[in-house]
Amino acid sequence: MPRDTNHYGTIFGGVILSYIDQAGFVEACHHGRHRWVTAAIDRVEFKAPVHVGEVVNFYGTTTRLGTTSVTVLVEVEAERERDGAMVPVTAATLVMVSVDRDGKPIPFRQPPTA
């Protein structure tokens, strides 16, 4: 959307980062309906811009399961408005941790606490 872009008509990197975080959360939820928090995001390097009017896709894949954490790869691509070409934008690996109400890590393979 235009409000998410700079004066060059490309989306702010922080907006993409926010959506990467959300995509990581969605993927973590496939492993249990717990309270998931982001513990780490690795280096994010932008390979291509995203312009106003383009569709952006976020693909989350679990790459590692721990006891209290899930490592998720989120790949981002943009569909160019002019020709429909799919262009890789960036990728990031996130560590999502299952926590209790007090924010303490808990095993995610047990039922969530209320």
N, C-alpha and C. Protein backbone atom coordinates (compact mmCIF):
# COMPACT_ATOMS: atom_id res chain seq x y z
N MET A 1 0.84 -1.18 0.00
CA MET A 1 0.00 0.00 0.00
C MET A 1 0.89 1.25 0.00
N PRO A 2 0.41 2.33 -0.56
CA PRO A 2 1.22 3.56 -0.64
C PRO A 2 1.77 4.03 0.71
N ARG A 3 1.02 3.86 1.80
CA ARG A 3 1.50 4.33 3.10
C ARG A 3 2.73 3.55 3.58
N ASP A 4 2.96 2.37 3.00
CA ASP A 4 4.08 1.53 3.39
C ASP A 4 5.32 1.74 2.53
N THR A 5 5.27 2.79 1.71
CA THR A 5 6.37 2.99 0.76
C THR A 5 7.11 4.30 1.00
N ASN A 6 8.32 4.35 0.46
CA ASN A 6 9.11 5.57 0.53
C ASN A 6 8.79 6.46 -0.67
N HIS A 7 9.50 7.54 -0.82
CA HIS A 7 9.21 8.48 -1.91
C HIS A 7 9.65 7.95 -3.28
N TYR A 8 10.32 6.80 -3.33
CA TYR A 8 10.68 6.15 -4.60
C TYR A 8 9.60 5.17 -5.06
N GLY A 9 8.58 4.99 -4.21
CA GLY A 9 7.50 4.06 -4.57
C GLY A 9 7.82 2.61 -4.26
N THR A 10 8.81 2.38 -3.39
CA THR A 10 9.13 1.01 -2.99
C THR A 10 8.83 0.83 -1.51
N ILE A 11 8.47 -0.39 -1.14
CA ILE A 11 8.05 -0.67 0.23
C ILE A 11 9.23 -0.54 1.20
N PHE A 12 8.97 -0.03 2.38
CA PHE A 12 9.99 0.08 3.41
C PHE A 12 10.45 -1.32 3.83
N GLY A 13 11.75 -1.46 4.05
CA GLY A 13 12.30 -2.74 4.51
C GLY A 13 11.69 -3.19 5.82
N GLY A 14 11.40 -2.25 6.70
CA GLY A 14 10.80 -2.59 8.00
C GLY A 14 9.42 -3.21 7.86
N VAL A 15 8.69 -2.81 6.84
CA VAL A 15 7.37 -3.41 6.59
C VAL A 15 7.54 -4.87 6.20
N ILE A 16 8.50 -5.13 5.32
CA ILE A 16 8.79 -6.52 4.92
C ILE A 16 9.21 -7.34 6.14
N LEU A 17 10.07 -6.75 7.00
CA LEU A 17 10.51 -7.45 8.21
C LEU A 17 9.33 -7.80 9.11
N SER A 18 8.39 -6.89 9.23
CA SER A 18 7.21 -7.16 10.06
C SER A 18 6.42 -8.34 9.51
N TYR A 19 6.26 -8.40 8.20
CA TYR A 19 5.53 -9.52 7.59
C TYR A 19 6.33 -10.82 7.70
N ILE A 20 7.65 -10.75 7.64
CA ILE A 20 8.48 -11.94 7.84
C ILE A 20 8.23 -12.49 9.24
N ASP A 21 8.19 -11.62 10.22
CA ASP A 21 7.94 -12.02 11.61
C ASP A 21 6.57 -12.69 11.72
N GLN A 22 5.57 -12.13 11.07
CA GLN A 22 4.23 -12.71 11.11
C GLN A 22 4.19 -14.08 10.42
N ALA A 23 4.89 -14.21 9.30
CA ALA A 23 4.95 -15.49 8.59
C ALA A 23 5.65 -16.54 9.45
N GLY A 24 6.69 -16.14 10.18
CA GLY A 24 7.36 -17.07 11.09
C GLY A 24 6.43 -17.54 12.19
N PHE A 25 5.63 -16.63 12.71
CA PHE A 25 4.64 -16.98 13.74
C PHE A 25 3.62 -17.98 13.20
N VAL A 26 3.11 -17.73 12.00
CA VAL A 26 2.11 -18.63 11.40
C VAL A 26 2.70 -20.03 11.24
N GLU A 27 3.93 -20.12 10.77
CA GLU A 27 4.56 -21.42 10.60
C GLU A 27 4.77 -22.10 11.95
N ALA A 28 5.20 -21.37 12.96
CA ALA A 28 5.38 -21.94 14.30
C ALA A 28 4.07 -22.49 14.84
N CYS A 29 2.98 -21.81 14.58
CA CYS A 29 1.66 -22.25 15.06
C CYS A 29 1.27 -23.61 14.50
N HIS A 30 1.86 -24.03 13.41
CA HIS A 30 1.59 -25.37 12.88
C HIS A 30 2.09 -26.43 13.84
N HIS A 31 2.94 -26.07 14.77
CA HIS A 31 3.51 -27.01 15.72
C HIS A 31 2.84 -26.91 17.09
N GLY A 32 1.83 -26.11 17.21
CA GLY A 32 1.08 -25.99 18.46
C GLY A 32 0.54 -24.59 18.63
N ARG A 33 -0.63 -24.51 19.19
CA ARG A 33 -1.29 -23.21 19.42
C ARG A 33 -0.83 -22.63 20.75
N HIS A 34 0.46 -22.32 20.80
CA HIS A 34 1.07 -21.75 21.99
C HIS A 34 1.29 -20.26 21.79
N ARG A 35 1.83 -19.64 22.81
CA ARG A 35 2.30 -18.26 22.70
C ARG A 35 3.70 -18.37 22.10
N TRP A 36 3.86 -17.88 20.90
CA TRP A 36 5.16 -17.93 20.22
C TRP A 36 5.75 -16.53 20.18
N VAL A 37 7.03 -16.43 20.49
CA VAL A 37 7.73 -15.15 20.39
C VAL A 37 8.96 -15.33 19.51
N THR A 38 9.37 -14.26 18.90
CA THR A 38 10.56 -14.29 18.06
C THR A 38 11.79 -14.08 18.94
N ALA A 39 12.68 -15.06 18.94
CA ALA A 39 13.91 -14.96 19.73
C ALA A 39 15.06 -14.42 18.89
N ALA A 40 15.04 -14.72 17.59
CA ALA A 40 16.14 -14.29 16.73
C ALA A 40 15.71 -14.26 15.28
N ILE A 41 16.29 -13.33 14.55
CA ILE A 41 16.16 -13.28 13.09
C ILE A 41 17.58 -13.12 12.56
N ASP A 42 17.95 -13.98 11.62
CA ASP A 42 19.30 -13.85 11.07
C ASP A 42 19.37 -12.68 10.10
N ARG A 43 20.47 -12.55 9.47
CA ARG A 43 20.71 -11.46 8.52
C ARG A 43 19.64 -11.43 7.43
N VAL A 44 19.15 -10.24 7.16
CA VAL A 44 18.17 -10.04 6.09
C VAL A 44 18.82 -9.13 5.05
N GLU A 45 18.98 -9.66 3.87
CA GLU A 45 19.61 -8.91 2.79
C GLU A 45 18.60 -8.78 1.65
N PHE A 46 18.27 -7.55 1.28
CA PHE A 46 17.29 -7.34 0.22
C PHE A 46 17.96 -7.46 -1.14
N LYS A 47 17.39 -8.33 -1.98
CA LYS A 47 17.94 -8.59 -3.31
C LYS A 47 17.24 -7.77 -4.38
N ALA A 48 15.98 -7.42 -4.13
CA ALA A 48 15.20 -6.67 -5.11
C ALA A 48 14.15 -5.84 -4.38
N PRO A 49 13.76 -4.71 -4.95
CA PRO A 49 12.73 -3.88 -4.32
C PRO A 49 11.33 -4.44 -4.59
N VAL A 50 10.39 -3.98 -3.79
CA VAL A 50 8.97 -4.25 -4.02
C VAL A 50 8.32 -2.91 -4.29
N HIS A 51 7.61 -2.81 -5.41
CA HIS A 51 6.98 -1.55 -5.82
C HIS A 51 5.50 -1.54 -5.47
N VAL A 52 4.95 -0.34 -5.38
CA VAL A 52 3.51 -0.18 -5.13
C VAL A 52 2.75 -0.97 -6.19
N GLY A 53 1.74 -1.70 -5.75
CA GLY A 53 0.89 -2.45 -6.67
C GLY A 53 1.32 -3.90 -6.89
N GLU A 54 2.49 -4.28 -6.39
CA GLU A 54 2.95 -5.65 -6.57
C GLU A 54 2.45 -6.55 -5.44
N VAL A 55 2.23 -7.79 -5.76
CA VAL A 55 1.81 -8.78 -4.77
C VAL A 55 3.08 -9.39 -4.17
N VAL A 56 3.11 -9.49 -2.85
CA VAL A 56 4.26 -10.05 -2.15
C VAL A 56 3.82 -11.35 -1.49
N ASN A 57 4.61 -12.41 -1.70
CA ASN A 57 4.34 -13.72 -1.11
C ASN A 57 5.40 -14.05 -0.07
N PHE A 58 4.95 -14.65 1.04
CA PHE A 58 5.84 -15.07 2.12
C PHE A 58 5.62 -16.56 2.33
N TYR A 59 6.70 -17.33 2.25
CA TYR A 59 6.62 -18.79 2.39
C TYR A 59 7.43 -19.22 3.61
N GLY A 60 6.75 -19.80 4.59
CA GLY A 60 7.43 -20.27 5.80
C GLY A 60 7.61 -21.78 5.76
N THR A 61 8.81 -22.23 6.11
CA THR A 61 9.14 -23.65 6.16
C THR A 61 9.90 -23.93 7.45
N THR A 62 9.48 -24.94 8.19
CA THR A 62 10.20 -25.33 9.39
C THR A 62 11.47 -26.06 8.98
N THR A 63 12.60 -25.63 9.55
CA THR A 63 13.88 -26.26 9.23
C THR A 63 14.47 -27.02 10.42
N ARG A 64 13.98 -26.73 11.62
CA ARG A 64 14.49 -27.42 12.81
C ARG A 64 13.47 -27.35 13.92
N LEU A 65 13.35 -28.46 14.65
CA LEU A 65 12.49 -28.52 15.82
C LEU A 65 13.35 -28.75 17.05
N GLY A 66 13.22 -27.90 18.04
CA GLY A 66 13.90 -28.09 19.31
C GLY A 66 12.88 -28.52 20.34
N THR A 67 13.20 -28.32 21.60
CA THR A 67 12.26 -28.65 22.67
C THR A 67 11.28 -27.51 22.91
N THR A 68 11.82 -26.29 22.93
CA THR A 68 10.97 -25.11 23.16
C THR A 68 10.96 -24.17 21.96
N SER A 69 11.74 -24.49 20.93
CA SER A 69 11.86 -23.58 19.80
C SER A 69 11.69 -24.27 18.46
N VAL A 70 11.33 -23.46 17.49
CA VAL A 70 11.18 -23.90 16.10
C VAL A 70 11.99 -22.92 15.26
N THR A 71 12.80 -23.44 14.34
CA THR A 71 13.52 -22.59 13.41
C THR A 71 12.76 -22.59 12.10
N VAL A 72 12.49 -21.41 11.59
CA VAL A 72 11.65 -21.24 10.41
C VAL A 72 12.41 -20.43 9.36
N LEU A 73 12.41 -20.92 8.13
CA LEU A 73 12.92 -20.16 7.00
C LEU A 73 11.73 -19.47 6.34
N VAL A 74 11.82 -18.16 6.17
CA VAL A 74 10.78 -17.41 5.46
C VAL A 74 11.41 -16.84 4.20
N GLU A 75 10.85 -17.23 3.06
CA GLU A 75 11.30 -16.72 1.77
C GLU A 75 10.26 -15.74 1.25
N VAL A 76 10.73 -14.66 0.66
CA VAL A 76 9.86 -13.58 0.20
C VAL A 76 10.08 -13.37 -1.29
N GLU A 77 8.98 -13.27 -2.02
CA GLU A 77 9.08 -12.96 -3.44
C GLU A 77 7.99 -11.97 -3.82
N ALA A 78 8.25 -11.21 -4.88
CA ALA A 78 7.29 -10.23 -5.38
C ALA A 78 6.86 -10.61 -6.78
N GLU A 79 5.58 -10.41 -7.05
CA GLU A 79 5.06 -10.63 -8.40
C GLU A 79 5.01 -9.27 -9.09
N ARG A 80 5.82 -9.12 -10.12
CA ARG A 80 5.90 -7.85 -10.83
C ARG A 80 4.58 -7.54 -11.51
N GLU A 81 4.12 -6.32 -11.32
CA GLU A 81 2.83 -5.89 -11.85
C GLU A 81 2.83 -5.87 -13.38
N ARG A 82 3.94 -5.49 -13.98
CA ARG A 82 3.97 -5.30 -15.44
C ARG A 82 3.93 -6.60 -16.23
N ASP A 83 4.57 -7.68 -15.69
CA ASP A 83 4.63 -8.91 -16.48
C ASP A 83 4.35 -10.19 -15.70
N GLY A 84 4.06 -10.07 -14.40
CA GLY A 84 3.75 -11.24 -13.59
C GLY A 84 4.96 -12.06 -13.19
N ALA A 85 6.16 -11.60 -13.51
CA ALA A 85 7.38 -12.34 -13.14
C ALA A 85 7.50 -12.41 -11.63
N MET A 86 7.95 -13.56 -11.12
CA MET A 86 8.18 -13.74 -9.70
C MET A 86 9.65 -13.46 -9.41
N VAL A 87 9.92 -12.52 -8.51
CA VAL A 87 11.27 -12.08 -8.23
C VAL A 87 11.60 -12.32 -6.75
N PRO A 88 12.69 -13.04 -6.46
CA PRO A 88 13.09 -13.21 -5.05
C PRO A 88 13.44 -11.84 -4.44
N VAL A 89 12.89 -11.56 -3.28
CA VAL A 89 13.13 -10.29 -2.60
C VAL A 89 14.13 -10.46 -1.46
N THR A 90 13.89 -11.43 -0.60
CA THR A 90 14.77 -11.70 0.53
C THR A 90 14.38 -13.02 1.17
N ALA A 91 15.13 -13.43 2.16
CA ALA A 91 14.83 -14.62 2.96
C ALA A 91 15.42 -14.38 4.34
N ALA A 92 14.84 -15.02 5.34
CA ALA A 92 15.35 -14.90 6.70
C ALA A 92 15.04 -16.17 7.47
N THR A 93 15.92 -16.49 8.39
CA THR A 93 15.69 -17.60 9.30
C THR A 93 15.36 -17.02 10.66
N LEU A 94 14.25 -17.49 11.23
CA LEU A 94 13.80 -17.02 12.53
C LEU A 94 13.80 -18.16 13.52
N VAL A 95 14.07 -17.84 14.78
CA VAL A 95 13.90 -18.80 15.86
C VAL A 95 12.70 -18.33 16.65
N MET A 96 11.68 -19.17 16.67
CA MET A 96 10.44 -18.88 17.39
C MET A 96 10.41 -19.75 18.64
N VAL A 97 10.10 -19.16 19.79
CA VAL A 97 10.11 -19.88 21.06
C VAL A 97 8.71 -19.90 21.65
N SER A 98 8.31 -21.08 22.12
CA SER A 98 7.03 -21.26 22.80
C SER A 98 7.21 -20.83 24.26
N VAL A 99 6.34 -19.91 24.72
CA VAL A 99 6.48 -19.40 26.09
C VAL A 99 5.16 -19.49 26.85
N ASP A 100 5.29 -19.48 28.18
CA ASP A 100 4.09 -19.45 29.02
C ASP A 100 3.68 -17.99 29.23
N ARG A 101 2.69 -17.80 30.09
CA ARG A 101 2.17 -16.45 30.34
C ARG A 101 3.22 -15.48 30.86
N ASP A 102 4.21 -16.03 31.55
CA ASP A 102 5.26 -15.19 32.13
C ASP A 102 6.43 -14.99 31.18
N GLY A 103 6.33 -15.53 29.96
CA GLY A 103 7.38 -15.37 28.98
C GLY A 103 8.52 -16.36 29.13
N LYS A 104 8.31 -17.41 29.93
CA LYS A 104 9.35 -18.43 30.11
C LYS A 104 9.16 -19.54 29.07
N PRO A 105 10.27 -19.98 28.45
CA PRO A 105 10.16 -21.03 27.44
C PRO A 105 9.55 -22.31 28.00
N ILE A 106 8.67 -22.91 27.21
CA ILE A 106 8.05 -24.19 27.59
C ILE A 106 8.09 -25.13 26.39
N PRO A 107 8.12 -26.43 26.63
CA PRO A 107 8.09 -27.38 25.52
C PRO A 107 6.79 -27.19 24.72
N PHE A 108 6.91 -27.15 23.42
CA PHE A 108 5.73 -26.89 22.59
C PHE A 108 4.99 -28.17 22.22
N ARG A 109 5.54 -29.30 22.56
CA ARG A 109 4.85 -30.56 22.23
C ARG A 109 3.84 -30.97 23.30
N GLN A 110 3.70 -30.14 24.33
CA GLN A 110 2.67 -30.38 25.34
C GLN A 110 1.52 -29.40 25.09
N PRO A 111 0.33 -29.71 25.61
CA PRO A 111 -0.79 -28.80 25.38
C PRO A 111 -0.49 -27.40 25.92
N PRO A 112 -0.94 -26.38 25.22
CA PRO A 112 -0.69 -25.00 25.69
C PRO A 112 -1.44 -24.72 26.98
N THR A 113 -0.89 -23.79 27.76
CA THR A 113 -1.59 -23.36 28.96
C THR A 113 -2.47 -22.18 28.59
N ALA A 114 -3.51 -22.01 29.32
CA ALA A 114 -4.49 -20.95 29.02
C ALA A 114 -3.92 -19.57 29.14
